[in-house]
Protein backbone atom coordinates (compact mmCIF):
# COMPACT_ATOMS: atom_id res chain seq x y z
CA MET A 1 -17.03 -6.04 -5.55
CA ASP A 2 -15.96 -8.05 -8.80
CA ALA A 3 -12.65 -9.09 -9.65
CA GLN A 4 -12.01 -6.36 -12.32
CA GLY A 5 -13.26 -4.02 -9.53
CA MET A 6 -10.31 -4.89 -7.41
CA ARG A 7 -7.92 -5.07 -9.88
CA ARG A 8 -8.95 -1.43 -11.09
CA ILE A 9 -8.90 -0.33 -7.22
CA MET A 10 -5.60 -1.92 -6.54
CA GLU A 11 -3.83 -0.33 -9.86
CA ARG A 12 -4.93 3.06 -9.17
CA TYR A 13 -3.76 2.80 -5.84
CA LEU A 14 0.05 2.47 -6.82
CA GLU A 15 -0.68 5.05 -9.29
CA LEU A 16 -1.36 7.36 -6.70
CA VAL A 17 1.23 5.79 -4.43
CA ALA A 18 3.89 6.83 -7.36
CA ALA A 19 2.63 10.18 -7.40
CA GLY A 20 2.44 11.01 -3.75
CA ASP A 21 -1.23 11.85 -3.52
CA VAL A 22 -1.83 10.96 -0.16
CA ASP A 23 -5.47 12.30 -0.07
CA ALA A 24 -6.65 10.81 -3.30
CA ILE A 25 -5.16 7.58 -1.69
CA VAL A 26 -7.29 8.11 1.67
CA ALA A 27 -10.46 8.65 -0.48
CA LEU A 28 -10.34 5.37 -1.95
CA MET A 29 -10.68 3.79 1.50
CA SER A 30 -13.63 3.56 4.24
CA ASP A 31 -13.57 5.41 7.15
CA ASP A 32 -12.49 3.29 9.31
CA VAL A 33 -9.82 1.82 7.33
CA ALA A 34 -7.28 -0.28 9.09
CA VAL A 35 -3.76 -0.45 7.05
CA GLU A 36 -1.04 -2.13 8.96
CA ASP A 37 2.14 -1.44 6.95
CA PRO A 38 4.06 -3.53 7.24
CA VAL A 39 2.55 -6.52 8.91
CA GLY A 40 4.16 -7.39 12.31
CA GLY A 41 5.74 -4.00 12.42
CA PRO A 42 6.65 -1.71 15.41
CA PRO A 43 4.03 0.12 17.08
CA GLY A 44 2.94 2.85 14.82
CA THR A 45 2.53 0.83 12.13
CA HIS A 46 -0.73 -0.55 12.41
CA VAL A 47 -3.57 2.52 12.07
CA VAL A 48 -6.88 2.89 12.00
CA GLY A 49 -9.18 5.42 10.41
CA ARG A 50 -8.94 7.65 7.63
CA ASP A 51 -7.25 10.67 9.50
CA ARG A 52 -4.70 8.09 10.77
CA VAL A 53 -4.06 6.62 7.60
CA ARG A 54 -3.67 9.74 6.01
CA GLU A 55 -1.10 10.75 8.35
CA PHE A 56 0.81 7.88 8.52
CA PHE A 57 1.28 8.39 4.88
CA ALA A 58 2.16 11.45 4.68
CA ALA A 59 4.59 10.93 7.13
CA GLY A 60 6.05 7.92 5.19
CA PHE A 61 5.70 9.58 1.87
CA ALA A 62 7.77 12.61 3.20
CA ARG A 63 10.30 10.37 4.56
CA SER A 64 10.89 8.05 1.68
CA ARG A 65 9.50 8.91 -1.61
CA PRO A 66 8.07 5.60 -2.45
CA ARG A 67 7.93 4.28 -5.89
CA PRO A 68 6.27 1.18 -6.84
CA THR A 69 6.61 -0.95 -10.02
CA PRO A 70 4.29 -4.23 -9.90
CA THR A 71 6.23 -7.46 -10.71
CA GLY A 72 3.54 -9.64 -10.87
CA PRO A 73 -0.70 -9.83 -11.52
CA ILE A 74 -3.19 -8.97 -9.19
CA CYS A 75 -4.70 -12.05 -7.78
CA THR A 76 -8.37 -11.97 -6.62
CA THR A 77 -10.42 -14.15 -4.60
CA ALA A 78 -14.30 -15.07 -5.15
CA GLY A 79 -14.72 -13.10 -2.14
CA ARG A 80 -13.78 -9.25 -1.61
CA GLU A 81 -10.18 -9.92 -1.10
CA ALA A 82 -7.03 -9.43 -3.35
CA ALA A 83 -3.64 -9.41 -3.31
CA MET A 84 -0.60 -7.94 -5.57
CA LEU A 85 3.14 -8.42 -5.55
CA PHE A 86 5.52 -5.03 -6.14
CA ARG A 87 8.80 -3.76 -5.76
CA LEU A 88 8.91 -0.40 -3.90
CA ALA A 89 11.79 1.81 -4.38
CA LEU A 90 12.48 4.35 -1.60
CA THR A 91 14.86 7.06 -0.81
CA LEU A 92 15.63 7.18 2.86
CA LYS A 93 18.62 9.47 4.09
CA GLY A 94 19.58 10.42 0.93
CA ARG A 95 20.10 6.08 -0.32
CA ASN A 96 18.20 4.67 -2.79
CA LEU A 97 16.80 1.27 -1.70
CA GLU A 98 13.95 -1.12 -3.01
CA VAL A 99 11.99 -4.45 -0.89
CA ASP A 100 9.75 -6.57 -1.95
CA VAL A 101 5.88 -5.98 -1.29
CA VAL A 102 3.27 -7.97 -1.28
CA ASP A 103 0.08 -5.85 -0.17
CA VAL A 104 -3.31 -7.80 0.37
CA MET A 105 -6.69 -5.16 0.54
CA ARG A 106 -10.06 -6.23 1.57
CA PHE A 107 -13.07 -4.17 -0.14
CA ASP A 108 -16.48 -3.27 1.38
CA ALA A 109 -19.49 -3.60 -0.44
CA ALA A 110 -19.17 0.06 -1.81
CA GLY A 111 -15.74 -1.09 -3.29
CA ARG A 112 -13.49 1.04 -0.81
CA ILE A 113 -10.78 -0.54 0.88
CA GLU A 114 -11.40 -1.61 4.06
CA SER A 115 -7.99 -3.13 4.89
CA LEU A 116 -4.65 -3.23 3.43
CA ARG A 117 -1.76 -5.38 5.13
CA ALA A 118 1.62 -4.97 3.62
CA PHE A 119 3.84 -7.95 3.66
CA TRP A 120 7.66 -6.93 3.79
CA ASN A 121 10.21 -7.04 5.87
CA ALA A 122 13.21 -3.92 6.14
CA ALA A 123 15.77 -6.78 7.03
CA GLU A 124 15.36 -7.60 3.37
CA MET A 125 16.05 -4.02 1.63
CA ARG A 126 18.95 -3.94 -0.61
CA ALA A 127 20.40 -1.38 -3.13
CA ALA A 128 18.02 -0.29 -5.79
CA GLU A 129 18.58 -0.87 -9.20
CA GLU A 130 17.60 2.64 -10.55
């Protein structure tokens, strides 16, 4: 997995989040993918396997209508990991909110996401500027 390939997948991931396309997002992932969103979150925010991740994203998207906007470059490693910073706009219970997020992804040899760790804190959500 080269740097450009990691960037391409991460950019596609954000496009699919914006489109709300859970099935296409899950198609980017390995069968045994692990998602921790947010890192250190309560029970239920660390899920493993495509089926559990599909359920997790479907429920989250239905509840919050996420809309990501990249706010910095995608930083890659010489290995198979990369990180990206973005602002995530959400609608929760009729309120438009936003939070800054750093996603760190690890890729398998086939270029699928095998780990996604989302760094954000609900205490840092603020009224959206939209």
